[in-house]
Amino acid sequence: MSEHFLLAPLLESYFRRRLTKQRNATPATVASYRDALRMLILFAAARLRKKPAALTLEDLDRDLVLAFLDELEEKRNNSVATRNARLAAIRSFFHHVAAADPASFGVAPTRADDSH
């Protein structure tokens, strides 16, 4: 992979291979994870002033993910349970990224919840 990991192919492989084929996730789980990742991407795009298609894996660093989770609670008034469900989707995606390309492991913030 290139030095800057584009999100689109990683997301596609996550939903097509990881959730659907490997994990045999239910349609409800796929929809929930899709919504969580879509909200994260839109949050990142707005915060970084980039188009969603231009985001890279490096853009989704630990601080950005934590800011997203804080916004869910503070501005969207999500419960802790909902916040944690979103975090589970994000962590699952980053575990997939690390497994699909071990060189990206240092980039993927798999421990985004350490400060909470």
Protein backbone atom coordinates (compact mmCIF):
# COMPACT_ATOMS: atom_id res chain seq x y z
CA MET A 1 0.00 0.00 0.00
CA SER A 2 1.04 3.59 -0.38
CA GLU A 3 2.31 5.72 2.46
CA HIS A 4 -1.09 7.39 2.72
CA PHE A 5 -3.79 4.78 3.13
CA LEU A 6 -6.97 5.95 1.39
CA LEU A 7 -10.10 5.13 3.36
CA ALA A 8 -12.38 4.10 0.50
CA PRO A 9 -10.69 0.77 -0.35
CA LEU A 10 -10.19 -0.03 3.33
CA LEU A 11 -13.84 0.61 4.07
CA GLU A 12 -14.93 -1.47 1.11
CA SER A 13 -12.82 -4.45 2.17
CA TYR A 14 -14.05 -4.03 5.74
CA PHE A 15 -17.70 -4.21 4.82
CA ARG A 16 -17.39 -6.77 2.02
CA ARG A 17 -14.83 -9.13 3.54
CA ARG A 18 -14.63 -8.59 7.27
CA LEU A 19 -18.22 -7.97 8.34
CA THR A 20 -20.15 -9.77 5.67
CA LYS A 21 -18.02 -12.82 4.89
CA GLN A 22 -15.68 -13.38 7.83
CA ARG A 23 -17.89 -12.26 10.70
CA ASN A 24 -21.27 -13.09 9.12
CA ALA A 25 -22.65 -9.92 10.69
CA THR A 26 -26.38 -9.34 10.74
CA PRO A 27 -27.85 -6.62 8.53
CA ALA A 28 -28.55 -4.60 11.70
CA THR A 29 -24.90 -4.78 12.76
CA VAL A 30 -23.70 -3.82 9.29
CA ALA A 31 -26.08 -0.84 9.27
CA SER A 32 -25.01 0.26 12.75
CA TYR A 33 -21.31 0.02 11.89
CA ARG A 34 -21.92 1.79 8.57
CA ASP A 35 -23.66 4.65 10.34
CA ALA A 36 -20.90 4.98 12.94
CA LEU A 37 -18.15 5.07 10.34
CA ARG A 38 -20.12 7.45 8.11
CA MET A 39 -20.54 9.87 11.02
CA LEU A 40 -16.84 9.59 11.85
CA ILE A 41 -15.86 10.30 8.24
CA LEU A 42 -18.20 13.29 7.99
CA PHE A 43 -16.88 14.61 11.31
CA ALA A 44 -13.27 14.19 10.15
CA ALA A 45 -13.96 15.82 6.79
CA ALA A 46 -15.56 18.86 8.44
CA ARG A 47 -12.86 19.17 11.09
CA LEU A 48 -9.97 18.74 8.65
CA ARG A 49 -11.68 20.69 5.84
CA LYS A 50 -11.24 17.87 3.37
CA LYS A 51 -13.64 16.04 1.14
CA PRO A 52 -14.55 12.64 2.55
CA ALA A 53 -12.99 10.89 -0.46
CA ALA A 54 -9.70 12.69 0.22
CA LEU A 55 -9.37 11.42 3.79
CA THR A 56 -6.59 9.00 4.58
CA LEU A 57 -6.18 6.56 7.40
CA GLU A 58 -3.61 8.89 8.96
CA ASP A 59 -6.31 11.56 9.25
CA LEU A 60 -8.25 9.36 11.68
CA ASP A 61 -5.76 9.63 14.50
CA ARG A 62 -6.43 9.04 18.18
CA ASP A 63 -7.17 12.70 18.96
CA LEU A 64 -9.69 12.98 16.13
CA VAL A 65 -11.48 9.79 17.18
CA LEU A 66 -11.64 10.99 20.79
CA ALA A 67 -13.00 14.37 19.68
CA PHE A 68 -15.64 12.55 17.64
CA LEU A 69 -16.67 10.42 20.61
CA ASP A 70 -16.84 13.51 22.84
CA GLU A 71 -19.04 15.26 20.28
CA LEU A 72 -21.40 12.30 20.23
CA GLU A 73 -22.00 12.72 23.95
CA GLU A 74 -21.85 16.51 24.23
CA LYS A 75 -23.51 17.80 21.06
CA ARG A 76 -25.62 14.86 19.92
CA ASN A 77 -26.57 13.91 23.48
CA ASN A 78 -25.78 10.25 22.85
CA SER A 79 -25.72 8.00 25.88
CA VAL A 80 -22.53 6.33 26.99
CA ALA A 81 -23.91 3.05 25.63
CA THR A 82 -24.44 4.58 22.18
CA ARG A 83 -21.00 6.18 22.28
CA ASN A 84 -19.48 2.81 23.16
CA ALA A 85 -21.37 1.11 20.33
CA ARG A 86 -19.87 3.66 17.91
CA LEU A 87 -16.44 3.05 19.45
CA ALA A 88 -16.85 -0.70 18.94
CA ALA A 89 -17.49 -0.11 15.22
CA ILE A 90 -14.43 2.14 14.93
CA ARG A 91 -12.19 -0.30 16.78
CA SER A 92 -13.44 -3.18 14.64
CA PHE A 93 -12.58 -1.23 11.50
CA PHE A 94 -9.06 -0.45 12.75
CA HIS A 95 -8.50 -4.07 13.76
CA HIS A 96 -9.44 -5.02 10.21
CA VAL A 97 -7.00 -2.45 8.82
CA ALA A 98 -4.19 -3.76 11.02
CA ALA A 99 -4.91 -7.37 10.00
CA ALA A 100 -5.22 -6.53 6.30
CA ASP A 101 -1.98 -4.54 6.21
CA PRO A 102 0.31 -5.04 9.21
CA ALA A 103 2.48 -2.10 8.05
CA SER A 104 -0.44 0.19 8.89
CA PHE A 105 -0.65 -1.06 12.47
CA GLY A 106 1.27 1.94 13.79
CA VAL A 107 -1.23 4.24 12.07
CA ALA A 108 -4.44 2.59 13.26
CA PRO A 109 -5.62 3.97 16.63
CA THR A 110 -6.90 0.68 18.02
CA ARG A 111 -6.78 1.99 21.57
CA ALA A 112 -8.81 5.18 21.08
CA ASP A 113 -10.68 4.60 24.31
CA ASP A 114 -7.66 4.74 26.63
CA SER A 115 -8.50 8.19 28.01
CA HIS A 116 -12.13 7.38 28.89
